[in-house]
Amino acid sequence: MSEVRESLGRIEVAPEVLGTIAYFATLKVEGVAKMAAVPADVTRLLRRGTRHDGLILDLSDDKVKFDIYVIMNRDVNVMETSRAIQKAVAEAMDTMVDIPIDAINIHVEDVVGI
């Protein structure tokens, strides 16, 4: 016997919520010291998208794209940590809101000593 599911209505997730999920997923990654400010030249060029502390979320063309700006600790492998951020954000989006991601671009703005 097959199960019939009825829609109870619509579910909307605000873009700011997606930004918050990505923000906290990024900060949980070992080696990330903190989020970096989005560079002024990028902010000036920003036409579409939602800006959140250290990231830009672009929801154009029915696709979700993140540009995440971070400052990393000096004792980490930048490439491995960047991949870990991508994985953490993708998993958090999948687990919490089940929204497919088109791209997660990581911008390492600085490295700091601890």
PDB file of N, CA and C in Angstrom:
ATOM      1  N   MET A   1       0.841  -1.168   0.000  1.00  0.00           N
ATOM      2  CA  MET A   1       0.000   0.000   0.000  1.00  0.00           C
ATOM      3  C   MET A   1       0.893   1.241   0.000  1.00  0.00           C
ATOM      4  N   SER A   2       0.616   2.171  -0.890  1.00  0.00           N
ATOM      5  CA  SER A   2       1.440   3.374  -0.961  1.00  0.00           C
ATOM      6  C   SER A   2       0.882   4.455  -0.043  1.00  0.00           C
ATOM      7  N   GLU A   3       1.772   5.268   0.431  1.00  0.00           N
ATOM      8  CA  GLU A   3       1.394   6.338   1.341  1.00  0.00           C
ATOM      9  C   GLU A   3       1.180   7.617   0.533  1.00  0.00           C
ATOM     10  N   VAL A   4       0.090   8.301   0.774  1.00  0.00           N
ATOM     11  CA  VAL A   4      -0.211   9.552   0.094  1.00  0.00           C
ATOM     12  C   VAL A   4       0.092  10.695   1.053  1.00  0.00           C
ATOM     13  N   ARG A   5       0.901  11.638   0.590  1.00  0.00           N
ATOM     14  CA  ARG A   5       1.251  12.792   1.418  1.00  0.00           C
ATOM     15  C   ARG A   5       0.589  14.030   0.848  1.00  0.00           C
ATOM     16  N   GLU A   6      -0.003  14.776   1.708  1.00  0.00           N
ATOM     17  CA  GLU A   6      -0.631  16.015   1.300  1.00  0.00           C
ATOM     18  C   GLU A   6       0.230  17.180   1.762  1.00  0.00           C
ATOM     19  N   SER A   7       0.259  18.208   0.962  1.00  0.00           N
ATOM     20  CA  SER A   7       0.974  19.417   1.337  1.00  0.00           C
ATOM     21  C   SER A   7       0.115  20.204   2.321  1.00  0.00           C
ATOM     22  N   LEU A   8       0.731  20.612   3.398  1.00  0.00           N
ATOM     23  CA  LEU A   8       0.018  21.397   4.398  1.00  0.00           C
ATOM     24  C   LEU A   8       0.195  22.890   4.167  1.00  0.00           C
ATOM     25  N   GLY A   9       0.999  23.235   3.209  1.00  0.00           N
ATOM     26  CA  GLY A   9       1.270  24.640   2.930  1.00  0.00           C
ATOM     27  C   GLY A   9       2.701  24.824   2.465  1.00  0.00           C
ATOM     28  N   ARG A  10       3.107  26.048   2.459  1.00  0.00           N
ATOM     29  CA  ARG A  10       4.419  26.423   1.950  1.00  0.00           C
ATOM     30  C   ARG A  10       5.396  26.637   3.093  1.00  0.00           C
ATOM     31  N   ILE A  11       6.645  26.341   2.850  1.00  0.00           N
ATOM     32  CA  ILE A  11       7.708  26.587   3.827  1.00  0.00           C
ATOM     33  C   ILE A  11       8.693  27.540   3.181  1.00  0.00           C
ATOM     34  N   GLU A  12       8.970  28.644   3.851  1.00  0.00           N
ATOM     35  CA  GLU A  12       9.936  29.623   3.351  1.00  0.00           C
ATOM     36  C   GLU A  12      11.045  29.782   4.372  1.00  0.00           C
ATOM     37  N   VAL A  13      12.271  29.832   3.873  1.00  0.00           N
ATOM     38  CA  VAL A  13      13.429  30.074   4.726  1.00  0.00           C
ATOM     39  C   VAL A  13      14.051  31.384   4.261  1.00  0.00           C
ATOM     40  N   ALA A  14      14.152  32.343   5.142  1.00  0.00           N
ATOM     41  CA  ALA A  14      14.711  33.650   4.792  1.00  0.00           C
ATOM     42  C   ALA A  14      16.186  33.513   4.432  1.00  0.00           C
ATOM     43  N   PRO A  15      16.651  34.302   3.478  1.00  0.00           N
ATOM     44  CA  PRO A  15      18.071  34.260   3.107  1.00  0.00           C
ATOM     45  C   PRO A  15      18.997  34.496   4.299  1.00  0.00           C
ATOM     46  N   GLU A  16      18.565  35.326   5.228  1.00  0.00           N
ATOM     47  CA  GLU A  16      19.387  35.597   6.409  1.00  0.00           C
ATOM     48  C   GLU A  16      19.614  34.328   7.234  1.00  0.00           C
ATOM     49  N   VAL A  17      18.632  33.433   7.238  1.00  0.00           N
ATOM     50  CA  VAL A  17      18.764  32.167   7.961  1.00  0.00           C
ATOM     51  C   VAL A  17      19.849  31.312   7.305  1.00  0.00           C
ATOM     52  N   LEU A  18      19.852  31.260   5.980  1.00  0.00           N
ATOM     53  CA  LEU A  18      20.889  30.507   5.273  1.00  0.00           C
ATOM     54  C   LEU A  18      22.267  31.077   5.587  1.00  0.00           C
ATOM     55  N   GLY A  19      22.352  32.397   5.645  1.00  0.00           N
ATOM     56  CA  GLY A  19      23.619  33.038   5.995  1.00  0.00           C
ATOM     57  C   GLY A  19      24.067  32.687   7.401  1.00  0.00           C
ATOM     58  N   THR A  20      23.141  32.664   8.324  1.00  0.00           N
ATOM     59  CA  THR A  20      23.468  32.331   9.710  1.00  0.00           C
ATOM     60  C   THR A  20      23.939  30.883   9.832  1.00  0.00           C
ATOM     61  N   ILE A  21      23.278  29.984   9.122  1.00  0.00           N
ATOM     62  CA  ILE A  21      23.693  28.577   9.141  1.00  0.00           C
ATOM     63  C   ILE A  21      25.117  28.435   8.613  1.00  0.00           C
ATOM     64  N   ALA A  22      25.413  29.078   7.489  1.00  0.00           N
ATOM     65  CA  ALA A  22      26.755  29.014   6.902  1.00  0.00           C
ATOM     66  C   ALA A  22      27.783  29.656   7.821  1.00  0.00           C
ATOM     67  N   TYR A  23      27.412  30.747   8.454  1.00  0.00           N
ATOM     68  CA  TYR A  23      28.301  31.456   9.377  1.00  0.00           C
ATOM     69  C   TYR A  23      28.746  30.545  10.523  1.00  0.00           C
ATOM     70  N   PHE A  24      27.788  29.928  11.191  1.00  0.00           N
ATOM     71  CA  PHE A  24      28.129  29.079  12.329  1.00  0.00           C
ATOM     72  C   PHE A  24      28.825  27.790  11.904  1.00  0.00           C
ATOM     73  N   ALA A  25      28.460  27.242  10.757  1.00  0.00           N
ATOM     74  CA  ALA A  25      29.150  26.051  10.252  1.00  0.00           C
ATOM     75  C   ALA A  25      30.618  26.368   9.970  1.00  0.00           C
ATOM     76  N   THR A  26      30.875  27.546   9.437  1.00  0.00           N
ATOM     77  CA  THR A  26      32.252  27.959   9.137  1.00  0.00           C
ATOM     78  C   THR A  26      33.067  28.111  10.408  1.00  0.00           C
ATOM     79  N   LEU A  27      32.506  28.779  11.402  1.00  0.00           N
ATOM     80  CA  LEU A  27      33.243  29.020  12.647  1.00  0.00           C
ATOM     81  C   LEU A  27      33.539  27.745  13.425  1.00  0.00           C
ATOM     82  N   LYS A  28      32.777  26.681  13.178  1.00  0.00           N
ATOM     83  CA  LYS A  28      33.020  25.408  13.862  1.00  0.00           C
ATOM     84  C   LYS A  28      34.229  24.659  13.301  1.00  0.00           C
ATOM     85  N   VAL A  29      34.670  25.024  12.116  1.00  0.00           N
ATOM     86  CA  VAL A  29      35.774  24.307  11.481  1.00  0.00           C
ATOM     87  C   VAL A  29      37.087  24.654  12.188  1.00  0.00           C
ATOM     88  N   GLU A  30      37.798  23.617  12.573  1.00  0.00           N
ATOM     89  CA  GLU A  30      39.086  23.808  13.236  1.00  0.00           C
ATOM     90  C   GLU A  30      40.047  24.506  12.281  1.00  0.00           C
ATOM     91  N   GLY A  31      40.699  25.546  12.778  1.00  0.00           N
ATOM     92  CA  GLY A  31      41.647  26.300  11.960  1.00  0.00           C
ATOM     93  C   GLY A  31      41.116  27.644  11.518  1.00  0.00           C
ATOM     94  N   VAL A  32      39.806  27.845  11.636  1.00  0.00           N
ATOM     95  CA  VAL A  32      39.221  29.139  11.306  1.00  0.00           C
ATOM     96  C   VAL A  32      39.310  30.022  12.549  1.00  0.00           C
ATOM     97  N   ALA A  33      40.058  31.107  12.441  1.00  0.00           N
ATOM     98  CA  ALA A  33      40.198  32.022  13.574  1.00  0.00           C
ATOM     99  C   ALA A  33      38.943  32.868  13.736  1.00  0.00           C
ATOM    100  N   LYS A  34      38.468  33.420  12.618  1.00  0.00           N
ATOM    101  CA  LYS A  34      37.254  34.232  12.631  1.00  0.00           C
ATOM    102  C   LYS A  34      36.847  34.553  11.204  1.00  0.00           C
ATOM    103  N   MET A  35      35.677  35.126  11.074  1.00  0.00           N
ATOM    104  CA  MET A  35      35.216  35.575   9.772  1.00  0.00           C
ATOM    105  C   MET A  35      35.946  36.877   9.451  1.00  0.00           C
ATOM    106  N   ALA A  36      36.189  37.103   8.178  1.00  0.00           N
ATOM    107  CA  ALA A  36      36.815  38.349   7.735  1.00  0.00           C
ATOM    108  C   ALA A  36      35.734  39.271   7.194  1.00  0.00           C
ATOM    109  N   ALA A  37      36.031  40.539   7.174  1.00  0.00           N
ATOM    110  CA  ALA A  37      35.102  41.493   6.564  1.00  0.00           C
ATOM    111  C   ALA A  37      35.083  41.274   5.059  1.00  0.00           C
ATOM    112  N   VAL A  38      33.923  41.441   4.475  1.00  0.00           N
ATOM    113  CA  VAL A  38      33.826  41.368   3.021  1.00  0.00           C
ATOM    114  C   VAL A  38      34.538  42.604   2.480  1.00  0.00           C
ATOM    115  N   PRO A  39      35.501  42.440   1.570  1.00  0.00           N
ATOM    116  CA  PRO A  39      36.247  43.587   1.052  1.00  0.00           C
ATOM    117  C   PRO A  39      35.333  44.667   0.463  1.00  0.00           C
ATOM    118  N   ALA A  40      35.735  45.924   0.642  1.00  0.00           N
ATOM    119  CA  ALA A  40      34.922  47.057   0.195  1.00  0.00           C
ATOM    120  C   ALA A  40      34.664  47.024  -1.307  1.00  0.00           C
ATOM    121  N   ASP A  41      35.665  46.621  -2.093  1.00  0.00           N
ATOM    122  CA  ASP A  41      35.462  46.600  -3.544  1.00  0.00           C
ATOM    123  C   ASP A  41      34.422  45.554  -3.944  1.00  0.00           C
ATOM    124  N   VAL A  42      34.336  44.470  -3.213  1.00  0.00           N
ATOM    125  CA  VAL A  42      33.321  43.445  -3.479  1.00  0.00           C
ATOM    126  C   VAL A  42      31.946  43.965  -3.078  1.00  0.00           C
ATOM    127  N   THR A  43      31.873  44.635  -1.947  1.00  0.00           N
ATOM    128  CA  THR A  43      30.612  45.182  -1.469  1.00  0.00           C
ATOM    129  C   THR A  43      30.056  46.200  -2.459  1.00  0.00           C
ATOM    130  N   ARG A  44      30.920  47.019  -3.029  1.00  0.00           N
ATOM    131  CA  ARG A  44      30.486  48.020  -4.012  1.00  0.00           C
ATOM    132  C   ARG A  44      29.899  47.373  -5.256  1.00  0.00           C
ATOM    133  N   LEU A  45      30.474  46.249  -5.652  1.00  0.00           N
ATOM    134  CA  LEU A  45      30.018  45.561  -6.856  1.00  0.00           C
ATOM    135  C   LEU A  45      28.797  44.685  -6.618  1.00  0.00           C
ATOM    136  N   LEU A  46      28.456  44.491  -5.358  1.00  0.00           N
ATOM    137  CA  LEU A  46      27.367  43.595  -5.002  1.00  0.00           C
ATOM    138  C   LEU A  46      26.027  44.157  -5.459  1.00  0.00           C
ATOM    139  N   ARG A  47      25.438  43.506  -6.419  1.00  0.00           N
ATOM    140  CA  ARG A  47      24.123  43.923  -6.911  1.00  0.00           C
ATOM    141  C   ARG A  47      23.044  43.034  -6.330  1.00  0.00           C
ATOM    142  N   ARG A  48      23.292  41.744  -6.425  1.00  0.00           N
ATOM    143  CA  ARG A  48      22.330  40.783  -5.885  1.00  0.00           C
ATOM    144  C   ARG A  48      23.016  40.061  -4.738  1.00  0.00           C
ATOM    145  N   GLY A  49      22.207  39.543  -3.876  1.00  0.00           N
ATOM    146  CA  GLY A  49      22.761  38.744  -2.800  1.00  0.00           C
ATOM    147  C   GLY A  49      22.539  39.375  -1.448  1.00  0.00           C
ATOM    148  N   THR A  50      22.654  38.542  -0.455  1.00  0.00           N
ATOM    149  CA  THR A  50      22.481  38.951   0.922  1.00  0.00           C
ATOM    150  C   THR A  50      23.836  38.936   1.591  1.00  0.00           C
ATOM    151  N   ARG A  51      24.142  39.997   2.282  1.00  0.00           N
ATOM    152  CA  ARG A  51      25.418  40.078   2.976  1.00  0.00           C
ATOM    153  C   ARG A  51      25.214  39.720   4.438  1.00  0.00           C
ATOM    154  N   HIS A  52      26.101  38.913   4.955  1.00  0.00           N
ATOM    155  CA  HIS A  52      26.078  38.506   6.362  1.00  0.00           C
ATOM    156  C   HIS A  52      27.507  38.675   6.838  1.00  0.00           C
ATOM    157  N   ASP A  53      27.749  38.683   8.133  1.00  0.00           N
ATOM    158  CA  ASP A  53      29.115  38.854   8.635  1.00  0.00           C
ATOM    159  C   ASP A  53      30.059  37.859   7.979  1.00  0.00           C
ATOM    160  N   GLY A  54      30.938  38.338   7.115  1.00  0.00           N
ATOM    161  CA  GLY A  54      31.956  37.491   6.512  1.00  0.00           C
ATOM    162  C   GLY A  54      31.499  36.652   5.340  1.00  0.00           C
ATOM    163  N   LEU A  55      30.288  36.862   4.868  1.00  0.00           N
ATOM    164  CA  LEU A  55      29.866  36.072   3.705  1.00  0.00           C
ATOM    165  C   LEU A  55      28.828  36.799   2.868  1.00  0.00           C
ATOM    166  N   ILE A  56      28.773  36.360   1.630  1.00  0.00           N
ATOM    167  CA  ILE A  56      27.767  36.851   0.700  1.00  0.00           C
ATOM    168  C   ILE A  56      27.001  35.641   0.194  1.00  0.00           C
ATOM    169  N   LEU A  57      25.705  35.747   0.206  1.00  0.00           N
ATOM    170  CA  LEU A  57      24.822  34.692  -0.264  1.00  0.00           C
ATOM    171  C   LEU A  57      24.123  35.194  -1.516  1.00  0.00           C
ATOM    172  N   ASP A  58      24.285  34.473  -2.605  1.00  0.00           N
ATOM    173  CA  ASP A  58      23.650  34.841  -3.872  1.00  0.00           C
ATOM    174  C   ASP A  58      22.598  33.797  -4.205  1.00  0.00           C
ATOM    175  N   LEU A  59      21.353  34.230  -4.318  1.00  0.00           N
ATOM    176  CA  LEU A  59      20.238  33.328  -4.608  1.00  0.00           C
ATOM    177  C   LEU A  59      19.704  33.513  -6.028  1.00  0.00           C
ATOM    178  N   SER A  60      20.508  34.015  -6.923  1.00  0.00           N
ATOM    179  CA  SER A  60      20.034  34.272  -8.277  1.00  0.00           C
ATOM    180  C   SER A  60      19.919  32.991  -9.093  1.00  0.00           C
ATOM    181  N   ASP A  61      19.056  33.020 -10.085  1.00  0.00           N
ATOM    182  CA  ASP A  61      18.856  31.908 -11.017  1.00  0.00           C
ATOM    183  C   ASP A  61      18.478  30.602 -10.322  1.00  0.00           C
ATOM    184  N   ASP A  62      17.744  30.684  -9.219  1.00  0.00           N
ATOM    185  CA  ASP A  62      17.306  29.509  -8.464  1.00  0.00           C
ATOM    186  C   ASP A  62      18.473  28.637  -7.995  1.00  0.00           C
ATOM    187  N   LYS A  63      19.599  29.264  -7.760  1.00  0.00           N
ATOM    188  CA  LYS A  63      20.778  28.556  -7.256  1.00  0.00           C
ATOM    189  C   LYS A  63      21.302  29.295  -6.036  1.00  0.00           C
ATOM    190  N   VAL A  64      21.880  28.536  -5.114  1.00  0.00           N
ATOM    191  CA  VAL A  64      22.451  29.121  -3.908  1.00  0.00           C
ATOM    192  C   VAL A  64      23.966  29.082  -4.023  1.00  0.00           C
ATOM    193  N   LYS A  65      24.576  30.256  -3.877  1.00  0.00           N
ATOM    194  CA  LYS A  65      26.031  30.358  -3.958  1.00  0.00           C
ATOM    195  C   LYS A  65      26.523  31.179  -2.774  1.00  0.00           C
ATOM    196  N   PHE A  66      27.564  30.676  -2.115  1.00  0.00           N
ATOM    197  CA  PHE A  66      28.167  31.380  -0.994  1.00  0.00           C
ATOM    198  C   PHE A  66      29.568  31.848  -1.369  1.00  0.00           C
ATOM    199  N   ASP A  67      29.914  33.042  -0.936  1.00  0.00           N
ATOM    200  CA  ASP A  67      31.289  33.518  -0.916  1.00  0.00           C
ATOM    201  C   ASP A  67      31.590  33.786   0.547  1.00  0.00           C
ATOM    202  N   ILE A  68      32.520  33.011   1.098  1.00  0.00           N
ATOM    203  CA  ILE A  68      32.806  33.069   2.528  1.00  0.00           C
ATOM    204  C   ILE A  68      34.226  33.606   2.730  1.00  0.00           C
ATOM    205  N   TYR A  69      34.342  34.640   3.544  1.00  0.00           N
ATOM    206  CA  TYR A  69      35.607  35.324   3.802  1.00  0.00           C
ATOM    207  C   TYR A  69      36.068  34.982   5.212  1.00  0.00           C
ATOM    208  N   VAL A  70      37.269  34.396   5.314  1.00  0.00           N
ATOM    209  CA  VAL A  70      37.752  33.930   6.613  1.00  0.00           C
ATOM    210  C   VAL A  70      39.180  34.376   6.887  1.00  0.00           C
ATOM    211  N   ILE A  71      39.497  34.338   8.155  1.00  0.00           N
ATOM    212  CA  ILE A  71      40.875  34.493   8.633  1.00  0.00           C
ATOM    213  C   ILE A  71      41.209  33.182   9.325  1.00  0.00           C
ATOM    214  N   MET A  72      42.325  32.581   8.917  1.00  0.00           N
ATOM    215  CA  MET A  72      42.700  31.270   9.459  1.00  0.00           C
ATOM    216  C   MET A  72      43.873  31.377  10.423  1.00  0.00           C
ATOM    217  N   ASN A  73      43.978  30.357  11.255  1.00  0.00           N
ATOM    218  CA  ASN A  73      45.139  30.248  12.141  1.00  0.00           C
ATOM    219  C   ASN A  73      46.369  29.917  11.308  1.00  0.00           C
ATOM    220  N   ARG A  74      47.518  30.326  11.781  1.00  0.00           N
ATOM    221  CA  ARG A  74      48.745  30.165  10.999  1.00  0.00           C
ATOM    222  C   ARG A  74      49.245  28.728  10.928  1.00  0.00           C
ATOM    223  N   ASP A  75      48.797  27.876  11.809  1.00  0.00           N
ATOM    224  CA  ASP A  75      49.329  26.525  11.879  1.00  0.00           C
ATOM    225  C   ASP A  75      48.465  25.488  11.164  1.00  0.00           C
ATOM    226  N   VAL A  76      47.673  25.918  10.180  1.00  0.00           N
ATOM    227  CA  VAL A  76      46.808  24.979   9.476  1.00  0.00           C
ATOM    228  C   VAL A  76      47.173  24.919   7.999  1.00  0.00           C
ATOM    229  N   ASN A  77      46.753  23.846   7.368  1.00  0.00           N
ATOM    230  CA  ASN A  77      46.869  23.737   5.924  1.00  0.00           C
ATOM    231  C   ASN A  77      45.667  24.490   5.345  1.00  0.00           C
ATOM    232  N   VAL A  78      45.944  25.560   4.634  1.00  0.00           N
ATOM    233  CA  VAL A  78      44.878  26.434   4.136  1.00  0.00           C
ATOM    234  C   VAL A  78      43.943  25.691   3.181  1.00  0.00           C
ATOM    235  N   MET A  79      44.488  24.872   2.313  1.00  0.00           N
ATOM    236  CA  MET A  79      43.656  24.142   1.351  1.00  0.00           C
ATOM    237  C   MET A  79      42.750  23.130   2.054  1.00  0.00           C
ATOM    238  N   GLU A  80      43.300  22.376   2.983  1.00  0.00           N
ATOM    239  CA  GLU A  80      42.495  21.386   3.710  1.00  0.00           C
ATOM    240  C   GLU A  80      41.408  22.067   4.544  1.00  0.00           C
ATOM    241  N   THR A  81      41.766  23.165   5.184  1.00  0.00           N
ATOM    242  CA  THR A  81      40.796  23.883   6.005  1.00  0.00           C
ATOM    243  C   THR A  81      39.700  24.491   5.128  1.00  0.00           C
ATOM    244  N   SER A  82      40.064  24.996   3.975  1.00  0.00           N
ATOM    245  CA  SER A  82      39.070  25.548   3.038  1.00  0.00           C
ATOM    246  C   SER A  82      38.101  24.461   2.578  1.00  0.00           C
ATOM    247  N   ARG A  83      38.628  23.289   2.272  1.00  0.00           N
ATOM    248  CA  ARG A  83      37.760  22.165   1.882  1.00  0.00           C
ATOM    249  C   ARG A  83      36.852  21.743   3.036  1.00  0.00           C
ATOM    250  N   ALA A  84      37.403  21.796   4.254  1.00  0.00           N
ATOM    251  CA  ALA A  84      36.601  21.448   5.432  1.00  0.00           C
ATOM    252  C   ALA A  84      35.451  22.448   5.626  1.00  0.00           C
ATOM    253  N   ILE A  85      35.704  23.715   5.334  1.00  0.00           N
ATOM    254  CA  ILE A  85      34.643  24.725   5.411  1.00  0.00           C
ATOM    255  C   ILE A  85      33.563  24.407   4.383  1.00  0.00           C
ATOM    256  N   GLN A  86      33.974  24.127   3.155  1.00  0.00           N
ATOM    257  CA  GLN A  86      33.012  23.800   2.098  1.00  0.00           C
ATOM    258  C   GLN A  86      32.142  22.606   2.509  1.00  0.00           C
ATOM    259  N   LYS A  87      32.787  21.587   3.040  1.00  0.00           N
ATOM    260  CA  LYS A  87      32.063  20.385   3.454  1.00  0.00           C
ATOM    261  C   LYS A  87      31.111  20.690   4.612  1.00  0.00           C
ATOM    262  N   ALA A  88      31.576  21.449   5.597  1.00  0.00           N
ATOM    263  CA  ALA A  88      30.758  21.766   6.765  1.00  0.00           C
ATOM    264  C   ALA A  88      29.526  22.586   6.376  1.00  0.00           C
ATOM    265  N   VAL A  89      29.715  23.551   5.501  1.00  0.00           N
ATOM    266  CA  VAL A  89      28.584  24.388   5.078  1.00  0.00           C
ATOM    267  C   VAL A  89      27.592  23.556   4.266  1.00  0.00           C
ATOM    268  N   ALA A  90      28.096  22.747   3.345  1.00  0.00           N
ATOM    269  CA  ALA A  90      27.212  21.904   2.528  1.00  0.00           C
ATOM    270  C   ALA A  90      26.413  20.941   3.401  1.00  0.00           C
ATOM    271  N   GLU A  91      27.070  20.316   4.374  1.00  0.00           N
ATOM    272  CA  GLU A  91      26.381  19.387   5.271  1.00  0.00           C
ATOM    273  C   GLU A  91      25.352  20.101   6.138  1.00  0.00           C
ATOM    274  N   ALA A  92      25.692  21.290   6.626  1.00  0.00           N
ATOM    275  CA  ALA A  92      24.752  22.044   7.457  1.00  0.00           C
ATOM    276  C   ALA A  92      23.517  22.442   6.648  1.00  0.00           C
ATOM    277  N   MET A  93      23.722  22.857   5.417  1.00  0.00           N
ATOM    278  CA  MET A  93      22.583  23.219   4.560  1.00  0.00           C
ATOM    279  C   MET A  93      21.720  22.000   4.274  1.00  0.00           C
ATOM    280  N   ASP A  94      22.358  20.880   4.010  1.00  0.00           N
ATOM    281  CA  ASP A  94      21.619  19.651   3.711  1.00  0.00           C
ATOM    282  C   ASP A  94      20.833  19.180   4.931  1.00  0.00           C
ATOM    283  N   THR A  95      21.465  19.208   6.093  1.00  0.00           N
ATOM    284  CA  THR A  95      20.837  18.726   7.319  1.00  0.00           C
ATOM    285  C   THR A  95      19.720  19.644   7.808  1.00  0.00           C
ATOM    286  N   MET A  96      19.967  20.936   7.767  1.00  0.00           N
ATOM    287  CA  MET A  96      19.015  21.870   8.387  1.00  0.00           C
ATOM    288  C   MET A  96      17.891  22.328   7.463  1.00  0.00           C
ATOM    289  N   VAL A  97      18.193  22.515   6.177  1.00  0.00           N
ATOM    290  CA  VAL A  97      17.167  23.068   5.292  1.00  0.00           C
ATOM    291  C   VAL A  97      16.998  22.296   3.991  1.00  0.00           C
ATOM    292  N   ASP A  98      17.835  21.320   3.750  1.00  0.00           N
ATOM    293  CA  ASP A  98      17.742  20.478   2.555  1.00  0.00           C
ATOM    294  C   ASP A  98      17.649  21.304   1.269  1.00  0.00           C
ATOM    295  N   ILE A  99      18.541  22.293   1.174  1.00  0.00           N
ATOM    296  CA  ILE A  99      18.601  23.139  -0.016  1.00  0.00           C
ATOM    297  C   ILE A  99      19.908  22.848  -0.747  1.00  0.00           C
ATOM    298  N   PRO A 100      19.838  22.524  -2.040  1.00  0.00           N
ATOM    299  CA  PRO A 100      21.068  22.238  -2.781  1.00  0.00           C
ATOM    300  C   PRO A 100      21.909  23.498  -2.993  1.00  0.00           C
ATOM    301  N   ILE A 101      23.202  23.322  -2.917  1.00  0.00           N
ATOM    302  CA  ILE A 101      24.152  24.420  -3.057  1.00  0.00           C
ATOM    303  C   ILE A 101      24.838  24.322  -4.414  1.00  0.00           C
ATOM    304  N   ASP A 102      24.926  25.453  -5.109  1.00  0.00           N
ATOM    305  CA  ASP A 102      25.615  25.502  -6.397  1.00  0.00           C
ATOM    306  C   ASP A 102      27.117  25.676  -6.211  1.00  0.00           C
ATOM    307  N   ALA A 103      27.521  26.562  -5.282  1.00  0.00           N
ATOM    308  CA  ALA A 103      28.952  26.810  -5.062  1.00  0.00           C
ATOM    309  C   ALA A 103      29.182  27.357  -3.661  1.00  0.00           C
ATOM    310  N   ILE A 104      30.329  26.983  -3.099  1.00  0.00           N
ATOM    311  CA  ILE A 104      30.786  27.544  -1.831  1.00  0.00           C
ATOM    312  C   ILE A 104      32.221  27.978  -2.065  1.00  0.00           C
ATOM    313  N   ASN A 105      32.409  29.271  -2.277  1.00  0.00           N
ATOM    314  CA  ASN A 105      33.725  29.826  -2.561  1.00  0.00           C
ATOM    315  C   ASN A 105      34.337  30.352  -1.272  1.00  0.00           C
ATOM    316  N   ILE A 106      35.564  29.946  -1.000  1.00  0.00           N
ATOM    317  CA  ILE A 106      36.254  30.360   0.218  1.00  0.00           C
ATOM    318  C   ILE A 106      37.319  31.376  -0.149  1.00  0.00           C
ATOM    319  N   HIS A 107      37.331  32.503   0.575  1.00  0.00           N
ATOM    320  CA  HIS A 107      38.319  33.560   0.371  1.00  0.00           C
ATOM    321  C   HIS A 107      39.104  33.709   1.687  1.00  0.00           C
ATOM    322  N   VAL A 108      40.368  33.315   1.649  1.00  0.00           N
ATOM    323  CA  VAL A 108      41.212  33.449   2.845  1.00  0.00           C
ATOM    324  C   VAL A 108      41.832  34.835   2.803  1.00  0.00           C
ATOM    325  N   GLU A 109      41.407  35.679   3.710  1.00  0.00           N
ATOM    326  CA  GLU A 109      41.819  37.074   3.710  1.00  0.00           C
ATOM    327  C   GLU A 109      43.078  37.340   4.536  1.00  0.00           C
ATOM    328  N   ASP A 110      43.361  36.449   5.483  1.00  0.00           N
ATOM    329  CA  ASP A 110      44.548  36.648   6.319  1.00  0.00           C
ATOM    330  C   ASP A 110      44.809  35.377   7.108  1.00  0.00           C
ATOM    331  N   VAL A 111      45.992  35.321   7.684  1.00  0.00           N
ATOM    332  CA  VAL A 111      46.392  34.228   8.572  1.00  0.00           C
ATOM    333  C   VAL A 111      46.942  34.885   9.829  1.00  0.00           C
ATOM    334  N   VAL A 112      46.494  34.389  10.978  1.00  0.00           N
ATOM    335  CA  VAL A 112      46.922  34.997  12.244  1.00  0.00           C
ATOM    336  C   VAL A 112      47.580  33.960  13.132  1.00  0.00           C
ATOM    337  N   GLY A 113      48.469  34.423  13.994  1.00  0.00           N
ATOM    338  CA  GLY A 113      49.109  33.547  14.954  1.00  0.00           C
ATOM    339  C   GLY A 113      48.262  33.416  16.196  1.00  0.00           C
ATOM    340  N   ILE A 114      48.406  32.279  16.864  1.00  0.00           N
ATOM    341  CA  ILE A 114      47.649  32.103  18.103  1.00  0.00           C
ATOM    342  C   ILE A 114      48.585  31.872  19.253  1.00  0.00           C
TER     343      ILE A 114
END
